[in-house]
Structure formats: structure tokens, C-alpha cells
Amino acid sequence: MEPYLPSQFRAFSELSIKTIDIDIFISVNSSHDFFNFRSFIKNSGFKIKGSHVIIDDIPVHFIPGSLHPLINEAVRKGKRIRVNHIPTKVLTIEYLITLLLMAFRLKDRMVIHDLLELADIGKLKKIVERFSDEETPLDKDSKEFWKIFNQLRMKERKRLRSLSFRKKLEMMRIKKEDYS
């Protein structure tokens, strides 16, 4: 079992979106494994408040990969980073958006809108198609999502057309440095 910070950590810091807790996805194969993990956390003396574990006054929500195959795949394919010199992984934006589509609550829809700007749309479509089934009908929820995305893309195209060539080159350099 390895815990991973979701890409919300990266995305929220890039987009300045506030969150009240931290979601950590745990790669486990069964509910029994997750139950053992939760028992370990409780026996270690951490304060439990609802479904959150309070760590350094921060509510942490551990989400088991056994809930859906998408979660375990998202964790496996996460990007390795360091946070305060601690090695961890974050989910890619594309997996995070797909997980938010799965829940599709109002607050998720609001975040999806902002995360789209950072996503590789080709990868995102493939993930959504692969994990959409009768039990998790992501393609139904994603109709509204793709409509929003296309509206965003049109606005962005108009904005980019109005920029000078020099400004476009500066933007390309910044983006390349951010993701290297």
C-alpha cells in the first residue's frame, strides 16, 4: 500500500483554488486491505473526524483504490514529485478530471472547468472512454463537460488570436519550463 497525493495538490496550487482537505488515494486491491490500513491509522493515535484523519490539524481523506479500477490505475500512472523533500506521486490532470467526472458533484464541475486548461484532451478522452460503463456512465456526464470544454476552447482561441507573435512565444517558453 502506497499513499499518493492527488494532482489536485498541483492543480490547486497552479490555479489558486482553495480546498478544505487533502485527498490521498491508497492503492489497495480489496476493502479488507483498506480496513486494515484504517485500523492501523486509528491505532496509531491519529484523531478521526467523520471520514477524515486529522494530521497536523489538516483533514485528510484516504480514498481506497478498491472502490474502482480507475483509482488504482490513476495511482499507478501518477507523476513522481517531491513535496518538501518527501517523494510522492500526484495523479495526472487527466485522471483527476475523470475521477471528478465520476463523482460529478457541483463542486467537481466547478473544478473540472479550471482543470481543462491543463489537460491533454486526447489522453482525457481515452481515459473517459475506457472507464465509462453501465456502472460508471462517464460518457453521459461528460456531454455537459465536453460542451463546457468546447466553449472554453473557443474563448481561448479568440484570446490567442488577439495576442502578438512575441507574446505567444513568451507563453510557449513559460509553459515549456513549467512542465519540464
N, C-alpha and C. Protein backbone atom coordinates (compact mmCIF):
# COMPACT_ATOMS: atom_id res chain seq x y z
N MET A 1 0.84 -1.19 0.00
CA MET A 1 0.00 0.00 0.00
C MET A 1 0.88 1.24 0.00
N GLU A 2 0.69 2.07 -1.01
CA GLU A 2 1.43 3.32 -1.07
C GLU A 2 0.44 4.48 -1.18
N PRO A 3 0.57 5.50 -0.33
CA PRO A 3 -0.32 6.65 -0.48
C PRO A 3 0.22 7.61 -1.53
N TYR A 4 -0.66 8.27 -2.24
CA TYR A 4 -0.28 9.24 -3.25
C TYR A 4 -1.13 10.48 -3.10
N LEU A 5 -0.47 11.63 -3.23
CA LEU A 5 -1.22 12.88 -3.24
C LEU A 5 -1.85 13.04 -4.62
N PRO A 6 -3.09 13.46 -4.69
CA PRO A 6 -3.70 13.65 -5.99
C PRO A 6 -3.16 14.89 -6.68
N SER A 7 -3.39 14.96 -7.98
CA SER A 7 -2.91 16.12 -8.70
C SER A 7 -3.69 17.37 -8.32
N GLN A 8 -4.77 17.21 -7.51
CA GLN A 8 -5.43 18.40 -7.01
C GLN A 8 -4.40 19.27 -6.30
N PHE A 9 -3.44 18.62 -5.63
CA PHE A 9 -2.40 19.36 -4.92
C PHE A 9 -1.69 20.28 -5.89
N ARG A 10 -1.26 19.74 -7.04
CA ARG A 10 -0.57 20.55 -8.04
C ARG A 10 -1.54 21.51 -8.70
N ALA A 11 -2.69 20.99 -9.11
CA ALA A 11 -3.64 21.81 -9.84
C ALA A 11 -4.15 22.96 -8.98
N PHE A 12 -4.46 22.69 -7.71
CA PHE A 12 -4.96 23.75 -6.86
C PHE A 12 -3.90 24.82 -6.65
N SER A 13 -2.64 24.42 -6.55
CA SER A 13 -1.60 25.43 -6.35
C SER A 13 -1.41 26.25 -7.62
N GLU A 14 -1.55 25.62 -8.80
CA GLU A 14 -1.40 26.35 -10.05
C GLU A 14 -2.59 27.26 -10.31
N LEU A 15 -3.77 26.83 -9.94
CA LEU A 15 -4.98 27.58 -10.27
C LEU A 15 -5.49 28.42 -9.11
N SER A 16 -4.84 28.35 -7.98
CA SER A 16 -5.24 29.08 -6.78
C SER A 16 -6.68 28.76 -6.37
N ILE A 17 -7.03 27.50 -6.42
CA ILE A 17 -8.34 27.06 -5.97
C ILE A 17 -8.18 26.52 -4.56
N LYS A 18 -9.01 26.96 -3.66
CA LYS A 18 -8.88 26.54 -2.26
C LYS A 18 -9.60 25.21 -2.03
N THR A 19 -9.06 24.44 -1.10
CA THR A 19 -9.68 23.18 -0.69
C THR A 19 -9.61 23.10 0.82
N ILE A 20 -10.54 22.38 1.43
CA ILE A 20 -10.56 22.31 2.88
C ILE A 20 -9.87 21.06 3.41
N ASP A 21 -9.55 20.11 2.52
CA ASP A 21 -8.90 18.89 2.96
C ASP A 21 -7.92 18.41 1.90
N ILE A 22 -7.24 17.34 2.23
CA ILE A 22 -6.34 16.71 1.27
C ILE A 22 -6.88 15.31 1.01
N ASP A 23 -7.00 14.97 -0.27
CA ASP A 23 -7.40 13.62 -0.66
C ASP A 23 -6.15 12.82 -0.99
N ILE A 24 -6.00 11.68 -0.35
CA ILE A 24 -4.89 10.78 -0.65
C ILE A 24 -5.47 9.46 -1.10
N PHE A 25 -5.11 9.08 -2.32
CA PHE A 25 -5.59 7.83 -2.88
C PHE A 25 -4.65 6.71 -2.48
N ILE A 26 -5.21 5.62 -1.96
CA ILE A 26 -4.44 4.49 -1.48
C ILE A 26 -4.63 3.33 -2.45
N SER A 27 -3.53 2.82 -2.97
CA SER A 27 -3.61 1.69 -3.89
C SER A 27 -3.78 0.40 -3.09
N VAL A 28 -5.00 -0.08 -3.04
CA VAL A 28 -5.32 -1.35 -2.36
C VAL A 28 -6.21 -2.17 -3.28
N ASN A 29 -6.14 -3.48 -3.14
CA ASN A 29 -6.90 -4.37 -4.02
C ASN A 29 -8.24 -4.80 -3.45
N SER A 30 -8.44 -4.58 -2.15
CA SER A 30 -9.70 -5.04 -1.56
C SER A 30 -10.12 -4.11 -0.43
N SER A 31 -11.39 -4.19 -0.08
CA SER A 31 -11.91 -3.41 1.05
C SER A 31 -11.25 -3.87 2.34
N HIS A 32 -10.92 -5.16 2.42
CA HIS A 32 -10.25 -5.70 3.61
C HIS A 32 -8.89 -5.03 3.81
N ASP A 33 -8.12 -4.85 2.73
CA ASP A 33 -6.83 -4.17 2.82
C ASP A 33 -7.00 -2.73 3.32
N PHE A 34 -8.02 -2.07 2.82
CA PHE A 34 -8.26 -0.69 3.25
C PHE A 34 -8.70 -0.65 4.71
N PHE A 35 -9.52 -1.60 5.12
CA PHE A 35 -9.94 -1.68 6.52
C PHE A 35 -8.71 -1.85 7.43
N ASN A 36 -7.76 -2.69 7.01
CA ASN A 36 -6.52 -2.87 7.78
C ASN A 36 -5.73 -1.57 7.85
N PHE A 37 -5.69 -0.83 6.75
CA PHE A 37 -4.99 0.46 6.73
C PHE A 37 -5.66 1.44 7.70
N ARG A 38 -7.00 1.55 7.63
CA ARG A 38 -7.73 2.45 8.53
C ARG A 38 -7.54 2.05 10.00
N SER A 39 -7.52 0.75 10.27
CA SER A 39 -7.28 0.27 11.65
C SER A 39 -5.90 0.70 12.13
N PHE A 40 -4.91 0.57 11.25
CA PHE A 40 -3.55 0.99 11.59
C PHE A 40 -3.53 2.48 11.93
N ILE A 41 -4.21 3.29 11.11
CA ILE A 41 -4.26 4.75 11.34
C ILE A 41 -4.91 5.04 12.69
N LYS A 42 -6.03 4.41 12.97
CA LYS A 42 -6.73 4.63 14.25
C LYS A 42 -5.85 4.22 15.43
N ASN A 43 -5.21 3.06 15.33
CA ASN A 43 -4.37 2.55 16.41
C ASN A 43 -3.09 3.35 16.59
N SER A 44 -2.73 4.15 15.59
CA SER A 44 -1.52 4.97 15.68
C SER A 44 -1.76 6.26 16.44
N GLY A 45 -3.00 6.49 16.85
CA GLY A 45 -3.30 7.66 17.68
C GLY A 45 -3.77 8.89 16.94
N PHE A 46 -3.98 8.79 15.63
CA PHE A 46 -4.48 9.95 14.90
C PHE A 46 -5.94 10.20 15.25
N LYS A 47 -6.32 11.46 15.28
CA LYS A 47 -7.70 11.84 15.55
C LYS A 47 -8.52 11.59 14.27
N ILE A 48 -9.69 10.99 14.46
CA ILE A 48 -10.59 10.71 13.35
C ILE A 48 -11.81 11.61 13.49
N LYS A 49 -12.17 12.30 12.42
CA LYS A 49 -13.36 13.16 12.42
C LYS A 49 -14.15 12.83 11.16
N GLY A 50 -15.23 12.08 11.35
CA GLY A 50 -16.02 11.62 10.20
C GLY A 50 -15.19 10.66 9.35
N SER A 51 -15.08 10.95 8.07
CA SER A 51 -14.27 10.09 7.21
C SER A 51 -12.85 10.61 7.07
N HIS A 52 -12.52 11.70 7.80
CA HIS A 52 -11.18 12.29 7.71
C HIS A 52 -10.30 11.87 8.88
N VAL A 53 -9.02 11.78 8.59
CA VAL A 53 -7.99 11.62 9.61
C VAL A 53 -7.36 13.00 9.76
N ILE A 54 -7.24 13.47 11.00
CA ILE A 54 -6.67 14.80 11.22
C ILE A 54 -5.16 14.64 11.43
N ILE A 55 -4.40 15.21 10.52
CA ILE A 55 -2.93 15.14 10.58
C ILE A 55 -2.41 16.57 10.58
N ASP A 56 -1.73 16.97 11.64
CA ASP A 56 -1.24 18.35 11.79
C ASP A 56 -2.35 19.36 11.54
N ASP A 57 -3.51 19.13 12.13
CA ASP A 57 -4.69 19.99 12.03
C ASP A 57 -5.28 20.08 10.62
N ILE A 58 -4.88 19.18 9.73
CA ILE A 58 -5.40 19.17 8.37
C ILE A 58 -6.25 17.92 8.18
N PRO A 59 -7.51 18.08 7.74
CA PRO A 59 -8.33 16.89 7.46
C PRO A 59 -7.82 16.18 6.21
N VAL A 60 -7.53 14.90 6.35
CA VAL A 60 -7.02 14.09 5.25
C VAL A 60 -8.04 12.98 4.98
N HIS A 61 -8.42 12.88 3.73
CA HIS A 61 -9.39 11.87 3.32
C HIS A 61 -8.65 10.81 2.52
N PHE A 62 -8.55 9.61 3.06
CA PHE A 62 -7.90 8.50 2.36
C PHE A 62 -8.96 7.80 1.51
N ILE A 63 -8.68 7.65 0.22
CA ILE A 63 -9.64 7.04 -0.71
C ILE A 63 -9.04 5.74 -1.24
N PRO A 64 -9.73 4.62 -1.01
CA PRO A 64 -9.17 3.33 -1.42
C PRO A 64 -9.32 3.05 -2.91
N GLY A 65 -8.27 2.50 -3.50
CA GLY A 65 -8.31 2.11 -4.90
C GLY A 65 -9.28 0.98 -5.16
N SER A 66 -9.67 0.27 -4.12
CA SER A 66 -10.60 -0.85 -4.29
C SER A 66 -12.00 -0.38 -4.68
N LEU A 67 -12.27 0.93 -4.56
CA LEU A 67 -13.59 1.45 -4.94
C LEU A 67 -13.86 1.32 -6.44
N HIS A 68 -12.82 1.51 -7.24
CA HIS A 68 -12.98 1.47 -8.70
C HIS A 68 -11.61 1.26 -9.34
N PRO A 69 -11.54 0.46 -10.41
CA PRO A 69 -10.25 0.23 -11.08
C PRO A 69 -9.58 1.52 -11.57
N LEU A 70 -10.37 2.53 -11.87
CA LEU A 70 -9.82 3.82 -12.30
C LEU A 70 -8.87 4.39 -11.25
N ILE A 71 -9.22 4.25 -9.98
CA ILE A 71 -8.38 4.82 -8.92
C ILE A 71 -7.02 4.15 -8.88
N ASN A 72 -6.99 2.81 -8.91
CA ASN A 72 -5.70 2.12 -8.88
C ASN A 72 -4.85 2.45 -10.11
N GLU A 73 -5.49 2.54 -11.28
CA GLU A 73 -4.72 2.90 -12.48
C GLU A 73 -4.19 4.32 -12.37
N ALA A 74 -5.01 5.23 -11.87
CA ALA A 74 -4.58 6.62 -11.71
C ALA A 74 -3.38 6.71 -10.78
N VAL A 75 -3.39 5.92 -9.71
CA VAL A 75 -2.27 5.91 -8.77
C VAL A 75 -1.02 5.32 -9.44
N ARG A 76 -1.20 4.20 -10.15
CA ARG A 76 -0.04 3.57 -10.83
C ARG A 76 0.60 4.51 -11.85
N LYS A 77 -0.20 5.28 -12.54
CA LYS A 77 0.31 6.15 -13.60
C LYS A 77 0.58 7.58 -13.13
N GLY A 78 0.56 7.78 -11.82
CA GLY A 78 0.80 9.10 -11.27
C GLY A 78 2.21 9.58 -11.55
N LYS A 79 2.38 10.89 -11.47
CA LYS A 79 3.68 11.53 -11.72
C LYS A 79 4.45 11.64 -10.40
N ARG A 80 5.70 11.19 -10.42
CA ARG A 80 6.54 11.26 -9.22
C ARG A 80 7.04 12.69 -9.03
N ILE A 81 6.86 13.19 -7.80
CA ILE A 81 7.34 14.53 -7.44
C ILE A 81 7.89 14.48 -6.02
N ARG A 82 8.43 15.61 -5.56
CA ARG A 82 8.85 15.76 -4.17
C ARG A 82 8.09 16.95 -3.58
N VAL A 83 7.56 16.76 -2.39
CA VAL A 83 6.89 17.82 -1.65
C VAL A 83 7.67 17.98 -0.34
N ASN A 84 8.30 19.13 -0.18
CA ASN A 84 9.17 19.35 0.99
C ASN A 84 10.17 18.21 1.16
N HIS A 85 10.80 17.82 0.06
CA HIS A 85 11.83 16.77 0.02
C HIS A 85 11.29 15.37 0.28
N ILE A 86 9.99 15.20 0.31
CA ILE A 86 9.38 13.89 0.53
C ILE A 86 8.89 13.36 -0.81
N PRO A 87 9.42 12.20 -1.23
CA PRO A 87 8.96 11.66 -2.53
C PRO A 87 7.51 11.20 -2.44
N THR A 88 6.74 11.54 -3.45
CA THR A 88 5.34 11.15 -3.53
C THR A 88 4.94 11.10 -4.99
N LYS A 89 3.68 10.88 -5.24
CA LYS A 89 3.15 10.92 -6.59
C LYS A 89 1.89 11.77 -6.59
N VAL A 90 1.61 12.37 -7.73
CA VAL A 90 0.34 13.08 -7.90
C VAL A 90 -0.35 12.47 -9.11
N LEU A 91 -1.66 12.46 -9.06
CA LEU A 91 -2.41 11.99 -10.21
C LEU A 91 -2.24 13.00 -11.34
N THR A 92 -2.28 12.50 -12.56
CA THR A 92 -2.22 13.44 -13.68
C THR A 92 -3.55 14.17 -13.76
N ILE A 93 -3.53 15.31 -14.40
CA ILE A 93 -4.74 16.12 -14.54
C ILE A 93 -5.84 15.32 -15.22
N GLU A 94 -5.47 14.51 -16.22
CA GLU A 94 -6.47 13.74 -16.97
C GLU A 94 -7.19 12.73 -16.07
N TYR A 95 -6.44 12.04 -15.22
CA TYR A 95 -7.07 11.09 -14.29
C TYR A 95 -7.89 11.82 -13.24
N LEU A 96 -7.39 12.95 -12.78
CA LEU A 96 -8.15 13.72 -11.79
C LEU A 96 -9.49 14.17 -12.37
N ILE A 97 -9.47 14.68 -13.59
CA ILE A 97 -10.72 15.11 -14.21
C ILE A 97 -11.68 13.93 -14.35
N THR A 98 -11.16 12.77 -14.74
CA THR A 98 -12.01 11.59 -14.89
C THR A 98 -12.62 11.18 -13.55
N LEU A 99 -11.84 11.24 -12.48
CA LEU A 99 -12.37 10.93 -11.15
C LEU A 99 -13.43 11.95 -10.73
N LEU A 100 -13.21 13.21 -11.07
CA LEU A 100 -14.20 14.24 -10.75
C LEU A 100 -15.47 14.03 -11.58
N LEU A 101 -15.32 13.58 -12.82
CA LEU A 101 -16.50 13.24 -13.63
C LEU A 101 -17.28 12.10 -13.00
N MET A 102 -16.55 11.16 -12.40
CA MET A 102 -17.21 10.01 -11.77
C MET A 102 -18.13 10.48 -10.63
N ALA A 103 -17.63 11.41 -9.82
CA ALA A 103 -18.45 11.93 -8.71
C ALA A 103 -19.45 12.96 -9.24
N PHE A 104 -19.00 13.84 -10.07
CA PHE A 104 -19.79 14.87 -10.77
C PHE A 104 -20.72 15.66 -9.86
N ARG A 105 -20.21 16.03 -8.68
CA ARG A 105 -20.95 16.93 -7.80
C ARG A 105 -20.77 18.36 -8.30
N LEU A 106 -21.55 19.29 -7.79
CA LEU A 106 -21.45 20.67 -8.22
C LEU A 106 -20.03 21.20 -8.04
N LYS A 107 -19.43 20.94 -6.88
CA LYS A 107 -18.08 21.44 -6.64
C LYS A 107 -17.07 20.80 -7.60
N ASP A 108 -17.33 19.56 -8.04
CA ASP A 108 -16.45 18.91 -9.01
C ASP A 108 -16.55 19.58 -10.37
N ARG A 109 -17.77 19.90 -10.77
CA ARG A 109 -17.98 20.57 -12.06
C ARG A 109 -17.25 21.89 -12.12
N MET A 110 -17.25 22.60 -10.99
CA MET A 110 -16.57 23.89 -10.95
C MET A 110 -15.06 23.72 -11.12
N VAL A 111 -14.50 22.69 -10.53
CA VAL A 111 -13.06 22.44 -10.62
C VAL A 111 -12.70 21.92 -12.02
N ILE A 112 -13.52 21.05 -12.58
CA ILE A 112 -13.26 20.50 -13.91
C ILE A 112 -13.05 21.62 -14.91
N HIS A 113 -13.89 22.62 -14.84
CA HIS A 113 -13.82 23.75 -15.75
C HIS A 113 -12.41 24.35 -15.76
N ASP A 114 -11.81 24.53 -14.60
CA ASP A 114 -10.48 25.12 -14.50
C ASP A 114 -9.37 24.13 -14.88
N LEU A 115 -9.56 22.87 -14.55
CA LEU A 115 -8.54 21.87 -14.85
C LEU A 115 -8.40 21.58 -16.34
N LEU A 116 -9.45 21.80 -17.09
CA LEU A 116 -9.42 21.52 -18.54
C LEU A 116 -8.28 22.25 -19.24
N GLU A 117 -7.97 23.45 -18.77
CA GLU A 117 -6.91 24.24 -19.40
C GLU A 117 -5.56 23.55 -19.30
N LEU A 118 -5.37 22.67 -18.32
CA LEU A 118 -4.10 21.99 -18.12
C LEU A 118 -4.05 20.59 -18.71
N ALA A 119 -5.17 20.10 -19.20
CA ALA A 119 -5.29 18.70 -19.61
C ALA A 119 -4.87 18.46 -21.06
N ASP A 120 -4.37 17.25 -21.30
CA ASP A 120 -4.16 16.75 -22.66
C ASP A 120 -5.49 16.10 -23.05
N ILE A 121 -6.22 16.75 -23.92
CA ILE A 121 -7.59 16.34 -24.23
C ILE A 121 -7.63 14.96 -24.87
N GLY A 122 -6.66 14.62 -25.70
CA GLY A 122 -6.62 13.29 -26.30
C GLY A 122 -6.51 12.20 -25.25
N LYS A 123 -5.60 12.38 -24.29
CA LYS A 123 -5.45 11.41 -23.19
C LYS A 123 -6.73 11.33 -22.37
N LEU A 124 -7.30 12.49 -22.09
CA LEU A 124 -8.51 12.55 -21.28
C LEU A 124 -9.65 11.77 -21.93
N LYS A 125 -9.85 11.97 -23.21
CA LYS A 125 -10.93 11.27 -23.92
C LYS A 125 -10.73 9.75 -23.86
N LYS A 126 -9.48 9.31 -24.03
CA LYS A 126 -9.20 7.87 -23.99
C LYS A 126 -9.51 7.28 -22.62
N ILE A 127 -9.13 7.99 -21.56
CA ILE A 127 -9.40 7.51 -20.20
C ILE A 127 -10.91 7.45 -19.94
N VAL A 128 -11.61 8.51 -20.32
CA VAL A 128 -13.06 8.56 -20.11
C VAL A 128 -13.74 7.42 -20.86
N GLU A 129 -13.35 7.20 -22.11
CA GLU A 129 -13.94 6.11 -22.90
C GLU A 129 -13.65 4.74 -22.29
N ARG A 130 -12.42 4.54 -21.82
CA ARG A 130 -12.02 3.25 -21.26
C ARG A 130 -12.77 2.90 -19.98
N PHE A 131 -13.06 3.91 -19.15
CA PHE A 131 -13.67 3.64 -17.85
C PHE A 131 -15.17 3.92 -17.81
N SER A 132 -15.75 4.31 -18.91
CA SER A 132 -17.19 4.55 -18.94
C SER A 132 -17.90 3.23 -19.21
N ASP A 133 -18.80 2.86 -18.29
CA ASP A 133 -19.59 1.64 -18.47
C ASP A 133 -20.96 1.86 -17.83
N GLU A 134 -21.76 0.82 -17.78
CA GLU A 134 -23.11 0.97 -17.20
C GLU A 134 -23.06 1.39 -15.74
N GLU A 135 -22.08 0.86 -15.01
CA GLU A 135 -21.95 1.18 -13.58
C GLU A 135 -21.44 2.61 -13.37
N THR A 136 -20.56 3.06 -14.26
CA THR A 136 -19.97 4.38 -14.18
C THR A 136 -20.15 5.07 -15.53
N PRO A 137 -21.31 5.64 -15.79
CA PRO A 137 -21.58 6.22 -17.12
C PRO A 137 -20.94 7.58 -17.31
N LEU A 138 -19.61 7.60 -17.41
CA LEU A 138 -18.89 8.87 -17.54
C LEU A 138 -19.26 9.60 -18.83
N ASP A 139 -19.57 8.84 -19.87
CA ASP A 139 -19.87 9.50 -21.14
C ASP A 139 -21.16 10.31 -21.06
N LYS A 140 -22.13 9.88 -20.24
CA LYS A 140 -23.37 10.66 -20.08
C LYS A 140 -23.06 11.99 -19.40
N ASP A 141 -22.35 11.91 -18.27
CA ASP A 141 -21.99 13.12 -17.55
C ASP A 141 -21.06 13.99 -18.37
N SER A 142 -20.25 13.36 -19.20
CA SER A 142 -19.24 14.12 -19.92
C SER A 142 -19.81 14.93 -21.08
N LYS A 143 -21.06 14.70 -21.47
CA LYS A 143 -21.65 15.53 -22.54
C LYS A 143 -21.65 16.99 -22.12
N GLU A 144 -22.08 17.26 -20.89
CA GLU A 144 -22.05 18.63 -20.37
C GLU A 144 -20.60 19.12 -20.26
N PHE A 145 -19.74 18.22 -19.82
CA PHE A 145 -18.33 18.51 -19.67
C PHE A 145 -17.70 18.92 -20.99
N TRP A 146 -17.95 18.15 -22.08
CA TRP A 146 -17.35 18.46 -23.38
C TRP A 146 -17.94 19.76 -23.94
N LYS A 147 -19.19 20.02 -23.65
CA LYS A 147 -19.81 21.28 -24.08
C LYS A 147 -19.06 22.46 -23.45
N ILE A 148 -18.82 22.36 -22.14
CA ILE A 148 -18.08 23.41 -21.42
C ILE A 148 -16.67 23.52 -22.00
N PHE A 149 -16.04 22.38 -22.25
CA PHE A 149 -14.68 22.39 -22.79
C PHE A 149 -14.63 23.11 -24.14
N ASN A 150 -15.57 22.80 -25.03
CA ASN A 150 -15.58 23.43 -26.35
C ASN A 150 -15.80 24.93 -26.25
N GLN A 151 -16.64 25.37 -25.31
CA GLN A 151 -16.84 26.80 -25.10
C GLN A 151 -15.54 27.45 -24.63
N LEU A 152 -14.85 26.80 -23.71
CA LEU A 152 -13.57 27.31 -23.23
C LEU A 152 -12.55 27.41 -24.36
N ARG A 153 -12.49 26.37 -25.18
CA ARG A 153 -11.53 26.33 -26.27
C ARG A 153 -11.78 27.48 -27.25
N MET A 154 -13.04 27.77 -27.55
CA MET A 154 -13.37 28.87 -28.45
C MET A 154 -12.93 30.21 -27.86
N LYS A 155 -13.18 30.40 -26.55
CA LYS A 155 -12.76 31.64 -25.89
C LYS A 155 -11.24 31.78 -25.94
N GLU A 156 -10.54 30.67 -25.69
CA GLU A 156 -9.08 30.69 -25.69
C GLU A 156 -8.54 30.99 -27.09
N ARG A 157 -9.14 30.42 -28.11
CA ARG A 157 -8.70 30.70 -29.49
C ARG A 157 -8.84 32.18 -29.81
N LYS A 158 -9.96 32.78 -29.42
CA LYS A 158 -10.17 34.20 -29.66
C LYS A 158 -9.12 35.02 -28.93
N ARG A 159 -8.85 34.64 -27.68
CA ARG A 159 -7.85 35.38 -26.89
C ARG A 159 -6.47 35.27 -27.53
N LEU A 160 -6.10 34.07 -27.97
CA LEU A 160 -4.79 33.86 -28.57
C LEU A 160 -4.64 34.62 -29.89
N ARG A 161 -5.72 34.70 -30.67
CA ARG A 161 -5.66 35.44 -31.93
C ARG A 161 -5.34 36.91 -31.70
N SER A 162 -5.77 37.44 -30.56
CA SER A 162 -5.57 38.86 -30.29
C SER A 162 -4.15 39.17 -29.78
N LEU A 163 -3.36 38.15 -29.44
CA LEU A 163 -2.01 38.37 -28.89
C LEU A 163 -0.99 38.55 -30.00
N SER A 164 0.06 39.29 -29.70
CA SER A 164 1.15 39.47 -30.67
C SER A 164 1.97 38.19 -30.76
N PHE A 165 2.72 38.06 -31.82
CA PHE A 165 3.57 36.89 -32.02
C PHE A 165 4.58 36.76 -30.88
N ARG A 166 5.17 37.89 -30.47
CA ARG A 166 6.16 37.89 -29.38
C ARG A 166 5.55 37.36 -28.08
N LYS A 167 4.33 37.80 -27.77
CA LYS A 167 3.64 37.36 -26.55
C LYS A 167 3.37 35.85 -26.60
N LYS A 168 2.98 35.35 -27.77
CA LYS A 168 2.74 33.91 -27.92
C LYS A 168 4.02 33.12 -27.68
N LEU A 169 5.15 33.63 -28.19
CA LEU A 169 6.43 32.95 -27.96
C LEU A 169 6.78 32.93 -26.47
N GLU A 170 6.55 34.05 -25.78
CA GLU A 170 6.81 34.11 -24.33
C GLU A 170 5.96 33.07 -23.59
N MET A 171 4.69 32.96 -23.97
CA MET A 171 3.80 31.99 -23.33
C MET A 171 4.30 30.56 -23.55
N MET A 172 4.79 30.28 -24.75
CA MET A 172 5.28 28.93 -25.06
C MET A 172 6.51 28.60 -24.21
N ARG A 173 7.39 29.57 -24.02
CA ARG A 173 8.59 29.33 -23.20
C ARG A 173 8.20 29.06 -21.75
N ILE A 174 7.27 29.81 -21.22
CA ILE A 174 6.84 29.64 -19.83
C ILE A 174 6.23 28.24 -19.66
N LYS A 175 5.36 27.86 -20.57
CA LYS A 175 4.72 26.56 -20.46
C LYS A 175 5.74 25.43 -20.53
N LYS A 176 6.72 25.55 -21.41
CA LYS A 176 7.74 24.51 -21.56
C LYS A 176 8.53 24.38 -20.25
N GLU A 177 8.91 25.51 -19.66
CA GLU A 177 9.67 25.48 -18.40
C GLU A 177 8.84 24.90 -17.26
N ASP A 178 7.56 25.23 -17.22
CA ASP A 178 6.69 24.74 -16.14
C ASP A 178 6.58 23.22 -16.13
N TYR A 179 6.61 22.60 -17.30
CA TYR A 179 6.35 21.17 -17.37
C TYR A 179 7.60 20.35 -17.60
N SER A 180 8.77 20.94 -17.52
CA SER A 180 10.00 20.16 -17.72
C SER A 180 10.52 19.62 -16.42
